[in-house]
Amino acid sequence: MGGKKKLSLKQMERMQAKKDEEEKEKKKKEKAAAAPSKDKRASDIVPPDSKNEKIIGELKKMPVLTPYTVATRFNIRISAAKDFLEQLEENGVVQLVSGNHDIKIYKPVD
């Protein structure tokens, strides 16, 4: 017998305005999400040459070397950056400061 009561004109007007506002915000969010789609390049698998003087010079400018920083700087995968840092450590270019099985932190040798 009961049921939903009929809304007054003022209430219907408020609901419509709120619905329109939500739709506008939703469209803005969709537009904003679609807009910053930069050209996302695939990361390289092959690390740069560990004996290249230009690359070594660039690494020596960095105070701390982690796989993430090297991967973002040279646009390579993190796994490749880990291997690259291990090669550099063997060559004596970088020195292991701290680390565990998850992350290793290096610093350039002076």
PDB file of N, CA and C in Angstrom:
ATOM      1  N   MET A   1       0.806  -1.174   0.000  1.00  0.00           N
ATOM      2  CA  MET A   1       0.000   0.000   0.000  1.00  0.00           C
ATOM      3  C   MET A   1       0.855   1.245   0.000  1.00  0.00           C
ATOM      4  N   GLY A   2       1.930   1.141   0.730  1.00  0.00           N
ATOM      5  CA  GLY A   2       2.808   2.285   0.740  1.00  0.00           C
ATOM      6  C   GLY A   2       3.545   2.375  -0.577  1.00  0.00           C
ATOM      7  N   GLY A   3       4.567   3.023  -0.585  1.00  0.00           N
ATOM      8  CA  GLY A   3       5.371   3.150  -1.783  1.00  0.00           C
ATOM      9  C   GLY A   3       6.137   4.444  -1.742  1.00  0.00           C
ATOM     10  N   LYS A   4       6.900   4.641  -2.744  1.00  0.00           N
ATOM     11  CA  LYS A   4       7.702   5.850  -2.802  1.00  0.00           C
ATOM     12  C   LYS A   4       6.794   7.032  -3.078  1.00  0.00           C
ATOM     13  N   LYS A   5       7.000   8.061  -2.307  1.00  0.00           N
ATOM     14  CA  LYS A   5       6.183   9.263  -2.453  1.00  0.00           C
ATOM     15  C   LYS A   5       6.683  10.081  -3.629  1.00  0.00           C
ATOM     16  N   LYS A   6       5.792  10.823  -4.178  1.00  0.00           N
ATOM     17  CA  LYS A   6       6.144  11.690  -5.296  1.00  0.00           C
ATOM     18  C   LYS A   6       6.985  12.844  -4.784  1.00  0.00           C
ATOM     19  N   LEU A   7       8.092  13.117  -5.489  1.00  0.00           N
ATOM     20  CA  LEU A   7       8.984  14.194  -5.092  1.00  0.00           C
ATOM     21  C   LEU A   7       8.389  15.536  -5.475  1.00  0.00           C
ATOM     22  N   SER A   8       8.739  16.539  -4.685  1.00  0.00           N
ATOM     23  CA  SER A   8       8.294  17.885  -5.020  1.00  0.00           C
ATOM     24  C   SER A   8       9.135  18.406  -6.187  1.00  0.00           C
ATOM     25  N   LEU A   9       8.696  19.457  -6.783  1.00  0.00           N
ATOM     26  CA  LEU A   9       9.417  20.042  -7.920  1.00  0.00           C
ATOM     27  C   LEU A   9      10.831  20.460  -7.524  1.00  0.00           C
ATOM     28  N   LYS A  10      10.974  21.036  -6.343  1.00  0.00           N
ATOM     29  CA  LYS A  10      12.285  21.494  -5.877  1.00  0.00           C
ATOM     30  C   LYS A  10      13.232  20.297  -5.707  1.00  0.00           C
ATOM     31  N   GLN A  11      12.712  19.191  -5.155  1.00  0.00           N
ATOM     32  CA  GLN A  11      13.535  18.006  -4.964  1.00  0.00           C
ATOM     33  C   GLN A  11      13.947  17.401  -6.302  1.00  0.00           C
ATOM     34  N   MET A  12      13.017  17.351  -7.260  1.00  0.00           N
ATOM     35  CA  MET A  12      13.349  16.816  -8.592  1.00  0.00           C
ATOM     36  C   MET A  12      14.397  17.679  -9.272  1.00  0.00           C
ATOM     37  N   GLU A  13      14.274  18.986  -9.093  1.00  0.00           N
ATOM     38  CA  GLU A  13      15.228  19.921  -9.685  1.00  0.00           C
ATOM     39  C   GLU A  13      16.632  19.701  -9.106  1.00  0.00           C
ATOM     40  N   ARG A  14      16.717  19.527  -7.792  1.00  0.00           N
ATOM     41  CA  ARG A  14      18.011  19.281  -7.142  1.00  0.00           C
ATOM     42  C   ARG A  14      18.629  17.973  -7.632  1.00  0.00           C
ATOM     43  N   MET A  15      17.809  16.924  -7.725  1.00  0.00           N
ATOM     44  CA  MET A  15      18.325  15.632  -8.177  1.00  0.00           C
ATOM     45  C   MET A  15      18.858  15.720  -9.601  1.00  0.00           C
ATOM     46  N   GLN A  16      18.132  16.432 -10.465  1.00  0.00           N
ATOM     47  CA  GLN A  16      18.563  16.573 -11.852  1.00  0.00           C
ATOM     48  C   GLN A  16      19.869  17.355 -11.947  1.00  0.00           C
ATOM     49  N   ALA A  17      19.976  18.426 -11.158  1.00  0.00           N
ATOM     50  CA  ALA A  17      21.199  19.238 -11.166  1.00  0.00           C
ATOM     51  C   ALA A  17      22.382  18.410 -10.666  1.00  0.00           C
ATOM     52  N   LYS A  18      22.161  17.604  -9.628  1.00  0.00           N
ATOM     53  CA  LYS A  18      23.227  16.775  -9.085  1.00  0.00           C
ATOM     54  C   LYS A  18      23.667  15.718 -10.097  1.00  0.00           C
ATOM     55  N   LYS A  19      22.712  15.128 -10.788  1.00  0.00           N
ATOM     56  CA  LYS A  19      23.021  14.111 -11.792  1.00  0.00           C
ATOM     57  C   LYS A  19      23.812  14.719 -12.951  1.00  0.00           C
ATOM     58  N   ASP A  20      23.419  15.915 -13.391  1.00  0.00           N
ATOM     59  CA  ASP A  20      24.143  16.595 -14.469  1.00  0.00           C
ATOM     60  C   ASP A  20      25.580  16.916 -14.053  1.00  0.00           C
ATOM     61  N   GLU A  21      25.744  17.365 -12.822  1.00  0.00           N
ATOM     62  CA  GLU A  21      27.074  17.709 -12.318  1.00  0.00           C
ATOM     63  C   GLU A  21      27.966  16.468 -12.255  1.00  0.00           C
ATOM     64  N   GLU A  22      27.415  15.340 -11.803  1.00  0.00           N
ATOM     65  CA  GLU A  22      28.190  14.096 -11.741  1.00  0.00           C
ATOM     66  C   GLU A  22      28.614  13.637 -13.129  1.00  0.00           C
ATOM     67  N   GLU A  23      27.742  13.791 -14.110  1.00  0.00           N
ATOM     68  CA  GLU A  23      28.074  13.407 -15.484  1.00  0.00           C
ATOM     69  C   GLU A  23      29.209  14.280 -16.032  1.00  0.00           C
ATOM     70  N   LYS A  24      29.167  15.582 -15.721  1.00  0.00           N
ATOM     71  CA  LYS A  24      30.230  16.477 -16.174  1.00  0.00           C
ATOM     72  C   LYS A  24      31.570  16.075 -15.558  1.00  0.00           C
ATOM     73  N   GLU A  25      31.571  15.778 -14.256  1.00  0.00           N
ATOM     74  CA  GLU A  25      32.803  15.376 -13.587  1.00  0.00           C
ATOM     75  C   GLU A  25      33.329  14.066 -14.164  1.00  0.00           C
ATOM     76  N   LYS A  26      32.421  13.152 -14.458  1.00  0.00           N
ATOM     77  CA  LYS A  26      32.819  11.868 -15.016  1.00  0.00           C
ATOM     78  C   LYS A  26      33.462  12.059 -16.392  1.00  0.00           C
ATOM     79  N   LYS A  27      32.880  12.926 -17.208  1.00  0.00           N
ATOM     80  CA  LYS A  27      33.441  13.194 -18.530  1.00  0.00           C
ATOM     81  C   LYS A  27      34.804  13.862 -18.409  1.00  0.00           C
ATOM     82  N   LYS A  28      34.954  14.781 -17.435  1.00  0.00           N
ATOM     83  CA  LYS A  28      36.243  15.439 -17.231  1.00  0.00           C
ATOM     84  C   LYS A  28      37.310  14.432 -16.852  1.00  0.00           C
ATOM     85  N   LYS A  29      36.957  13.501 -15.961  1.00  0.00           N
ATOM     86  CA  LYS A  29      37.916  12.490 -15.526  1.00  0.00           C
ATOM     87  C   LYS A  29      38.311  11.589 -16.682  1.00  0.00           C
ATOM     88  N   GLU A  30      37.342  11.198 -17.504  1.00  0.00           N
ATOM     89  CA  GLU A  30      37.643  10.355 -18.662  1.00  0.00           C
ATOM     90  C   GLU A  30      38.534  11.100 -19.649  1.00  0.00           C
ATOM     91  N   LYS A  31      38.235  12.376 -19.845  1.00  0.00           N
ATOM     92  CA  LYS A  31      39.030  13.185 -20.773  1.00  0.00           C
ATOM     93  C   LYS A  31      40.451  13.365 -20.242  1.00  0.00           C
ATOM     94  N   ALA A  32      40.557  13.612 -18.933  1.00  0.00           N
ATOM     95  CA  ALA A  32      41.872  13.807 -18.328  1.00  0.00           C
ATOM     96  C   ALA A  32      42.680  12.513 -18.362  1.00  0.00           C
ATOM     97  N   ALA A  33      42.019  11.403 -18.181  1.00  0.00           N
ATOM     98  CA  ALA A  33      42.727  10.122 -18.197  1.00  0.00           C
ATOM     99  C   ALA A  33      43.201   9.774 -19.602  1.00  0.00           C
ATOM    100  N   ALA A  34      42.440  10.153 -20.597  1.00  0.00           N
ATOM    101  CA  ALA A  34      42.799   9.830 -21.974  1.00  0.00           C
ATOM    102  C   ALA A  34      43.850  10.800 -22.529  1.00  0.00           C
ATOM    103  N   ALA A  35      43.860  12.020 -22.043  1.00  0.00           N
ATOM    104  CA  ALA A  35      44.731  13.051 -22.593  1.00  0.00           C
ATOM    105  C   ALA A  35      46.221  12.790 -22.362  1.00  0.00           C
ATOM    106  N   PRO A  36      46.666  12.454 -21.134  1.00  0.00           N
ATOM    107  CA  PRO A  36      48.108  12.350 -20.942  1.00  0.00           C
ATOM    108  C   PRO A  36      48.714  11.029 -21.405  1.00  0.00           C
ATOM    109  N   SER A  37      48.131  10.430 -22.397  1.00  0.00           N
ATOM    110  CA  SER A  37      48.702   9.182 -22.900  1.00  0.00           C
ATOM    111  C   SER A  37      49.913   9.507 -23.778  1.00  0.00           C
ATOM    112  N   LYS A  38      51.063   9.566 -23.135  1.00  0.00           N
ATOM    113  CA  LYS A  38      52.297   9.842 -23.849  1.00  0.00           C
ATOM    114  C   LYS A  38      52.665   8.626 -24.677  1.00  0.00           C
ATOM    115  N   ASP A  39      53.604   8.811 -25.551  1.00  0.00           N
ATOM    116  CA  ASP A  39      54.100   7.670 -26.304  1.00  0.00           C
ATOM    117  C   ASP A  39      54.933   6.829 -25.350  1.00  0.00           C
ATOM    118  N   LYS A  40      54.338   5.774 -24.872  1.00  0.00           N
ATOM    119  CA  LYS A  40      55.027   4.928 -23.918  1.00  0.00           C
ATOM    120  C   LYS A  40      55.857   3.918 -24.695  1.00  0.00           C
ATOM    121  N   ARG A  41      57.149   4.096 -24.603  1.00  0.00           N
ATOM    122  CA  ARG A  41      58.042   3.204 -25.328  1.00  0.00           C
ATOM    123  C   ARG A  41      58.316   1.976 -24.482  1.00  0.00           C
ATOM    124  N   ALA A  42      58.522   0.893 -25.140  1.00  0.00           N
ATOM    125  CA  ALA A  42      58.885  -0.332 -24.437  1.00  0.00           C
ATOM    126  C   ALA A  42      60.309  -0.199 -23.937  1.00  0.00           C
ATOM    127  N   SER A  43      60.536  -0.668 -22.737  1.00  0.00           N
ATOM    128  CA  SER A  43      61.874  -0.609 -22.166  1.00  0.00           C
ATOM    129  C   SER A  43      62.769  -1.627 -22.861  1.00  0.00           C
ATOM    130  N   ASP A  44      64.020  -1.252 -22.987  1.00  0.00           N
ATOM    131  CA  ASP A  44      64.975  -2.155 -23.606  1.00  0.00           C
ATOM    132  C   ASP A  44      65.327  -3.284 -22.648  1.00  0.00           C
ATOM    133  N   ILE A  45      65.641  -4.406 -23.216  1.00  0.00           N
ATOM    134  CA  ILE A  45      66.051  -5.556 -22.409  1.00  0.00           C
ATOM    135  C   ILE A  45      67.563  -5.571 -22.262  1.00  0.00           C
ATOM    136  N   VAL A  46      68.248  -5.117 -23.292  1.00  0.00           N
ATOM    137  CA  VAL A  46      69.710  -5.141 -23.291  1.00  0.00           C
ATOM    138  C   VAL A  46      70.228  -3.907 -22.558  1.00  0.00           C
ATOM    139  N   PRO A  47      71.047  -4.106 -21.518  1.00  0.00           N
ATOM    140  CA  PRO A  47      71.592  -2.951 -20.806  1.00  0.00           C
ATOM    141  C   PRO A  47      72.651  -2.239 -21.652  1.00  0.00           C
ATOM    142  N   PRO A  48      72.941  -0.998 -21.342  1.00  0.00           N
ATOM    143  CA  PRO A  48      73.980  -0.287 -22.093  1.00  0.00           C
ATOM    144  C   PRO A  48      75.356  -0.902 -21.842  1.00  0.00           C
ATOM    145  N   ASP A  49      76.316  -0.518 -22.663  1.00  0.00           N
ATOM    146  CA  ASP A  49      77.675  -1.053 -22.553  1.00  0.00           C
ATOM    147  C   ASP A  49      78.307  -0.562 -21.251  1.00  0.00           C
ATOM    148  N   SER A  50      78.796  -1.494 -20.455  1.00  0.00           N
ATOM    149  CA  SER A  50      79.355  -1.134 -19.149  1.00  0.00           C
ATOM    150  C   SER A  50      80.745  -0.509 -19.255  1.00  0.00           C
ATOM    151  N   LYS A  51      81.336  -0.490 -20.459  1.00  0.00           N
ATOM    152  CA  LYS A  51      82.669   0.084 -20.625  1.00  0.00           C
ATOM    153  C   LYS A  51      82.639   1.426 -21.351  1.00  0.00           C
ATOM    154  N   ASN A  52      81.453   1.910 -21.665  1.00  0.00           N
ATOM    155  CA  ASN A  52      81.302   3.183 -22.358  1.00  0.00           C
ATOM    156  C   ASN A  52      81.592   4.323 -21.374  1.00  0.00           C
ATOM    157  N   GLU A  53      82.521   5.176 -21.716  1.00  0.00           N
ATOM    158  CA  GLU A  53      82.932   6.268 -20.822  1.00  0.00           C
ATOM    159  C   GLU A  53      81.818   7.289 -20.587  1.00  0.00           C
ATOM    160  N   LYS A  54      81.008   7.522 -21.591  1.00  0.00           N
ATOM    161  CA  LYS A  54      79.911   8.489 -21.452  1.00  0.00           C
ATOM    162  C   LYS A  54      78.905   8.002 -20.411  1.00  0.00           C
ATOM    163  N   ILE A  55      78.582   6.726 -20.458  1.00  0.00           N
ATOM    164  CA  ILE A  55      77.619   6.149 -19.517  1.00  0.00           C
ATOM    165  C   ILE A  55      78.211   6.126 -18.108  1.00  0.00           C
ATOM    166  N   ILE A  56      79.467   5.760 -18.004  1.00  0.00           N
ATOM    167  CA  ILE A  56      80.118   5.728 -16.695  1.00  0.00           C
ATOM    168  C   ILE A  56      80.190   7.131 -16.101  1.00  0.00           C
ATOM    169  N   GLY A  57      80.481   8.116 -16.939  1.00  0.00           N
ATOM    170  CA  GLY A  57      80.512   9.506 -16.475  1.00  0.00           C
ATOM    171  C   GLY A  57      79.157   9.970 -15.972  1.00  0.00           C
ATOM    172  N   GLU A  58      78.109   9.545 -16.665  1.00  0.00           N
ATOM    173  CA  GLU A  58      76.769   9.914 -16.234  1.00  0.00           C
ATOM    174  C   GLU A  58      76.405   9.231 -14.912  1.00  0.00           C
ATOM    175  N   LEU A  59      76.853   7.997 -14.743  1.00  0.00           N
ATOM    176  CA  LEU A  59      76.580   7.285 -13.492  1.00  0.00           C
ATOM    177  C   LEU A  59      77.334   7.897 -12.316  1.00  0.00           C
ATOM    178  N   LYS A  60      78.532   8.403 -12.575  1.00  0.00           N
ATOM    179  CA  LYS A  60      79.327   8.985 -11.497  1.00  0.00           C
ATOM    180  C   LYS A  60      78.734  10.297 -10.998  1.00  0.00           C
ATOM    181  N   LYS A  61      77.912  10.932 -11.801  1.00  0.00           N
ATOM    182  CA  LYS A  61      77.244  12.167 -11.376  1.00  0.00           C
ATOM    183  C   LYS A  61      76.122  11.881 -10.376  1.00  0.00           C
ATOM    184  N   MET A  62      75.602  10.653 -10.403  1.00  0.00           N
ATOM    185  CA  MET A  62      74.487  10.293  -9.533  1.00  0.00           C
ATOM    186  C   MET A  62      75.029   9.916  -8.153  1.00  0.00           C
ATOM    187  N   PRO A  63      74.463  10.473  -7.083  1.00  0.00           N
ATOM    188  CA  PRO A  63      74.982  10.175  -5.745  1.00  0.00           C
ATOM    189  C   PRO A  63      74.703   8.745  -5.298  1.00  0.00           C
ATOM    190  N   VAL A  64      73.540   8.211  -5.666  1.00  0.00           N
ATOM    191  CA  VAL A  64      73.149   6.862  -5.267  1.00  0.00           C
ATOM    192  C   VAL A  64      72.637   6.134  -6.492  1.00  0.00           C
ATOM    193  N   LEU A  65      73.014   4.890  -6.618  1.00  0.00           N
ATOM    194  CA  LEU A  65      72.572   4.086  -7.750  1.00  0.00           C
ATOM    195  C   LEU A  65      71.729   2.924  -7.249  1.00  0.00           C
ATOM    196  N   THR A  66      70.505   2.867  -7.699  1.00  0.00           N
ATOM    197  CA  THR A  66      69.633   1.732  -7.428  1.00  0.00           C
ATOM    198  C   THR A  66      69.168   1.197  -8.778  1.00  0.00           C
ATOM    199  N   PRO A  67      68.682  -0.011  -8.819  1.00  0.00           N
ATOM    200  CA  PRO A  67      68.179  -0.525 -10.096  1.00  0.00           C
ATOM    201  C   PRO A  67      67.081   0.358 -10.699  1.00  0.00           C
ATOM    202  N   TYR A  68      66.241   0.931  -9.851  1.00  0.00           N
ATOM    203  CA  TYR A  68      65.170   1.780 -10.367  1.00  0.00           C
ATOM    204  C   TYR A  68      65.725   3.050 -11.012  1.00  0.00           C
ATOM    205  N   THR A  69      66.671   3.703 -10.361  1.00  0.00           N
ATOM    206  CA  THR A  69      67.209   4.944 -10.929  1.00  0.00           C
ATOM    207  C   THR A  69      67.942   4.694 -12.244  1.00  0.00           C
ATOM    208  N   VAL A  70      68.673   3.594 -12.299  1.00  0.00           N
ATOM    209  CA  VAL A  70      69.394   3.264 -13.535  1.00  0.00           C
ATOM    210  C   VAL A  70      68.401   2.901 -14.642  1.00  0.00           C
ATOM    211  N   ALA A  71      67.355   2.149 -14.279  1.00  0.00           N
ATOM    212  CA  ALA A  71      66.359   1.736 -15.268  1.00  0.00           C
ATOM    213  C   ALA A  71      65.630   2.939 -15.848  1.00  0.00           C
ATOM    214  N   THR A  72      65.279   3.898 -15.004  1.00  0.00           N
ATOM    215  CA  THR A  72      64.575   5.075 -15.522  1.00  0.00           C
ATOM    216  C   THR A  72      65.508   5.981 -16.326  1.00  0.00           C
ATOM    217  N   ARG A  73      66.769   6.088 -15.917  1.00  0.00           N
ATOM    218  CA  ARG A  73      67.714   6.955 -16.616  1.00  0.00           C
ATOM    219  C   ARG A  73      68.023   6.442 -18.022  1.00  0.00           C
ATOM    220  N   PHE A  74      68.214   5.134 -18.149  1.00  0.00           N
ATOM    221  CA  PHE A  74      68.614   4.568 -19.435  1.00  0.00           C
ATOM    222  C   PHE A  74      67.481   3.864 -20.172  1.00  0.00           C
ATOM    223  N   ASN A  75      66.278   3.937 -19.638  1.00  0.00           N
ATOM    224  CA  ASN A  75      65.085   3.336 -20.255  1.00  0.00           C
ATOM    225  C   ASN A  75      65.292   1.840 -20.526  1.00  0.00           C
ATOM    226  N   ILE A  76      65.675   1.146 -19.478  1.00  0.00           N
ATOM    227  CA  ILE A  76      65.816  -0.308 -19.559  1.00  0.00           C
ATOM    228  C   ILE A  76      64.956  -0.930 -18.463  1.00  0.00           C
ATOM    229  N   ARG A  77      64.785  -2.225 -18.533  1.00  0.00           N
ATOM    230  CA  ARG A  77      64.014  -2.924 -17.506  1.00  0.00           C
ATOM    231  C   ARG A  77      64.825  -3.010 -16.219  1.00  0.00           C
ATOM    232  N   ILE A  78      64.105  -3.157 -15.119  1.00  0.00           N
ATOM    233  CA  ILE A  78      64.770  -3.202 -13.821  1.00  0.00           C
ATOM    234  C   ILE A  78      65.664  -4.435 -13.709  1.00  0.00           C
ATOM    235  N   SER A  79      65.228  -5.544 -14.265  1.00  0.00           N
ATOM    236  CA  SER A  79      66.067  -6.747 -14.217  1.00  0.00           C
ATOM    237  C   SER A  79      67.368  -6.523 -14.980  1.00  0.00           C
ATOM    238  N   ALA A  80      67.290  -5.824 -16.113  1.00  0.00           N
ATOM    239  CA  ALA A  80      68.499  -5.514 -16.882  1.00  0.00           C
ATOM    240  C   ALA A  80      69.381  -4.532 -16.118  1.00  0.00           C
ATOM    241  N   ALA A  81      68.748  -3.606 -15.388  1.00  0.00           N
ATOM    242  CA  ALA A  81      69.516  -2.642 -14.602  1.00  0.00           C
ATOM    243  C   ALA A  81      70.253  -3.333 -13.464  1.00  0.00           C
ATOM    244  N   LYS A  82      69.622  -4.346 -12.864  1.00  0.00           N
ATOM    245  CA  LYS A  82      70.302  -5.106 -11.808  1.00  0.00           C
ATOM    246  C   LYS A  82      71.549  -5.798 -12.359  1.00  0.00           C
ATOM    247  N   ASP A  83      71.397  -6.433 -13.505  1.00  0.00           N
ATOM    248  CA  ASP A  83      72.544  -7.099 -14.135  1.00  0.00           C
ATOM    249  C   ASP A  83      73.637  -6.095 -14.496  1.00  0.00           C
ATOM    250  N   PHE A  84      73.216  -4.939 -14.998  1.00  0.00           N
ATOM    251  CA  PHE A  84      74.148  -3.885 -15.391  1.00  0.00           C
ATOM    252  C   PHE A  84      74.950  -3.399 -14.182  1.00  0.00           C
ATOM    253  N   LEU A  85      74.271  -3.194 -13.058  1.00  0.00           N
ATOM    254  CA  LEU A  85      74.968  -2.738 -11.850  1.00  0.00           C
ATOM    255  C   LEU A  85      75.928  -3.799 -11.328  1.00  0.00           C
ATOM    256  N   GLU A  86      75.559  -5.069 -11.457  1.00  0.00           N
ATOM    257  CA  GLU A  86      76.472  -6.138 -11.044  1.00  0.00           C
ATOM    258  C   GLU A  86      77.731  -6.161 -11.916  1.00  0.00           C
ATOM    259  N   GLN A  87      77.547  -5.924 -13.219  1.00  0.00           N
ATOM    260  CA  GLN A  87      78.704  -5.852 -14.127  1.00  0.00           C
ATOM    261  C   GLN A  87      79.615  -4.695 -13.737  1.00  0.00           C
ATOM    262  N   LEU A  88      79.000  -3.548 -13.442  1.00  0.00           N
ATOM    263  CA  LEU A  88      79.785  -2.379 -13.057  1.00  0.00           C
ATOM    264  C   LEU A  88      80.535  -2.620 -11.752  1.00  0.00           C
ATOM    265  N   GLU A  89      79.908  -3.373 -10.844  1.00  0.00           N
ATOM    266  CA  GLU A  89      80.592  -3.677  -9.587  1.00  0.00           C
ATOM    267  C   GLU A  89      81.801  -4.580  -9.840  1.00  0.00           C
ATOM    268  N   GLU A  90      81.651  -5.544 -10.740  1.00  0.00           N
ATOM    269  CA  GLU A  90      82.771  -6.420 -11.076  1.00  0.00           C
ATOM    270  C   GLU A  90      83.912  -5.634 -11.725  1.00  0.00           C
ATOM    271  N   ASN A  91      83.550  -4.623 -12.536  1.00  0.00           N
ATOM    272  CA  ASN A  91      84.558  -3.798 -13.201  1.00  0.00           C
ATOM    273  C   ASN A  91      85.184  -2.773 -12.261  1.00  0.00           C
ATOM    274  N   GLY A  92      84.591  -2.587 -11.077  1.00  0.00           N
ATOM    275  CA  GLY A  92      85.134  -1.637 -10.113  1.00  0.00           C
ATOM    276  C   GLY A  92      84.667  -0.219 -10.318  1.00  0.00           C
ATOM    277  N   VAL A  93      83.612  -0.021 -11.066  1.00  0.00           N
ATOM    278  CA  VAL A  93      83.107   1.329 -11.315  1.00  0.00           C
ATOM    279  C   VAL A  93      82.202   1.777 -10.178  1.00  0.00           C
ATOM    280  N   VAL A  94      81.420   0.847  -9.628  1.00  0.00           N
ATOM    281  CA  VAL A  94      80.524   1.164  -8.520  1.00  0.00           C
ATOM    282  C   VAL A  94      80.840   0.248  -7.349  1.00  0.00           C
ATOM    283  N   GLN A  95      80.393   0.677  -6.161  1.00  0.00           N
ATOM    284  CA  GLN A  95      80.646  -0.079  -4.951  1.00  0.00           C
ATOM    285  C   GLN A  95      79.320  -0.332  -4.260  1.00  0.00           C
ATOM    286  N   LEU A  96      79.115  -1.558  -3.775  1.00  0.00           N
ATOM    287  CA  LEU A  96      77.894  -1.918  -3.067  1.00  0.00           C
ATOM    288  C   LEU A  96      77.914  -1.281  -1.689  1.00  0.00           C
ATOM    289  N   VAL A  97      76.867  -0.521  -1.384  1.00  0.00           N
ATOM    290  CA  VAL A  97      76.773   0.143  -0.088  1.00  0.00           C
ATOM    291  C   VAL A  97      75.938  -0.693   0.865  1.00  0.00           C
ATOM    292  N   SER A  98      74.757  -1.076   0.407  1.00  0.00           N
ATOM    293  CA  SER A  98      73.843  -1.833   1.238  1.00  0.00           C
ATOM    294  C   SER A  98      72.921  -2.620   0.335  1.00  0.00           C
ATOM    295  N   GLY A  99      72.316  -3.641   0.890  1.00  0.00           N
ATOM    296  CA  GLY A  99      71.376  -4.374   0.076  1.00  0.00           C
ATOM    297  C   GLY A  99      70.913  -5.650   0.725  1.00  0.00           C
ATOM    298  N   ASN A 100      69.819  -6.156   0.204  1.00  0.00           N
ATOM    299  CA  ASN A 100      69.318  -7.465   0.584  1.00  0.00           C
ATOM    300  C   ASN A 100      68.857  -8.153  -0.690  1.00  0.00           C
ATOM    301  N   HIS A 101      68.024  -9.182  -0.574  1.00  0.00           N
ATOM    302  CA  HIS A 101      67.632  -9.907  -1.787  1.00  0.00           C
ATOM    303  C   HIS A 101      66.679  -9.105  -2.664  1.00  0.00           C
ATOM    304  N   ASP A 102      66.044  -8.064  -2.123  1.00  0.00           N
ATOM    305  CA  ASP A 102      65.114  -7.263  -2.913  1.00  0.00           C
ATOM    306  C   ASP A 102      65.810  -6.130  -3.672  1.00  0.00           C
ATOM    307  N   ILE A 103      66.625  -5.363  -2.973  1.00  0.00           N
ATOM    308  CA  ILE A 103      67.224  -4.179  -3.597  1.00  0.00           C
ATOM    309  C   ILE A 103      68.667  -4.039  -3.123  1.00  0.00           C
ATOM    310  N   LYS A 104      69.485  -3.581  -4.033  1.00  0.00           N
ATOM    311  CA  LYS A 104      70.881  -3.306  -3.701  1.00  0.00           C
ATOM    312  C   LYS A 104      71.158  -1.840  -4.005  1.00  0.00           C
ATOM    313  N   ILE A 105      71.881  -1.207  -3.126  1.00  0.00           N
ATOM    314  CA  ILE A 105      72.192   0.216  -3.279  1.00  0.00           C
ATOM    315  C   ILE A 105      73.688   0.351  -3.520  1.00  0.00           C
ATOM    316  N   TYR A 106      74.024   1.049  -4.573  1.00  0.00           N
ATOM    317  CA  TYR A 106      75.418   1.235  -4.954  1.00  0.00           C
ATOM    318  C   TYR A 106      75.780   2.714  -4.905  1.00  0.00           C
ATOM    319  N   LYS A 107      77.089   2.990  -4.879  1.00  0.00           N
ATOM    320  CA  LYS A 107      77.566   4.355  -5.067  1.00  0.00           C
ATOM    321  C   LYS A 107      78.742   4.302  -6.016  1.00  0.00           C
ATOM    322  N   PRO A 108      78.945   5.352  -6.790  1.00  0.00           N
ATOM    323  CA  PRO A 108      80.077   5.368  -7.713  1.00  0.00           C
ATOM    324  C   PRO A 108      81.395   5.442  -6.952  1.00  0.00           C
ATOM    325  N   VAL A 109      82.399   4.772  -7.484  1.00  0.00           N
ATOM    326  CA  VAL A 109      83.728   4.800  -6.882  1.00  0.00           C
ATOM    327  C   VAL A 109      84.433   6.064  -7.384  1.00  0.00           C
ATOM    328  N   ASP A 110      85.072   6.760  -6.461  1.00  0.00           N
ATOM    329  CA  ASP A 110      85.761   8.015  -6.833  1.00  0.00           C
ATOM    330  C   ASP A 110      87.040   7.759  -7.565  1.00  0.00           C
TER     331      ASP A 110
END
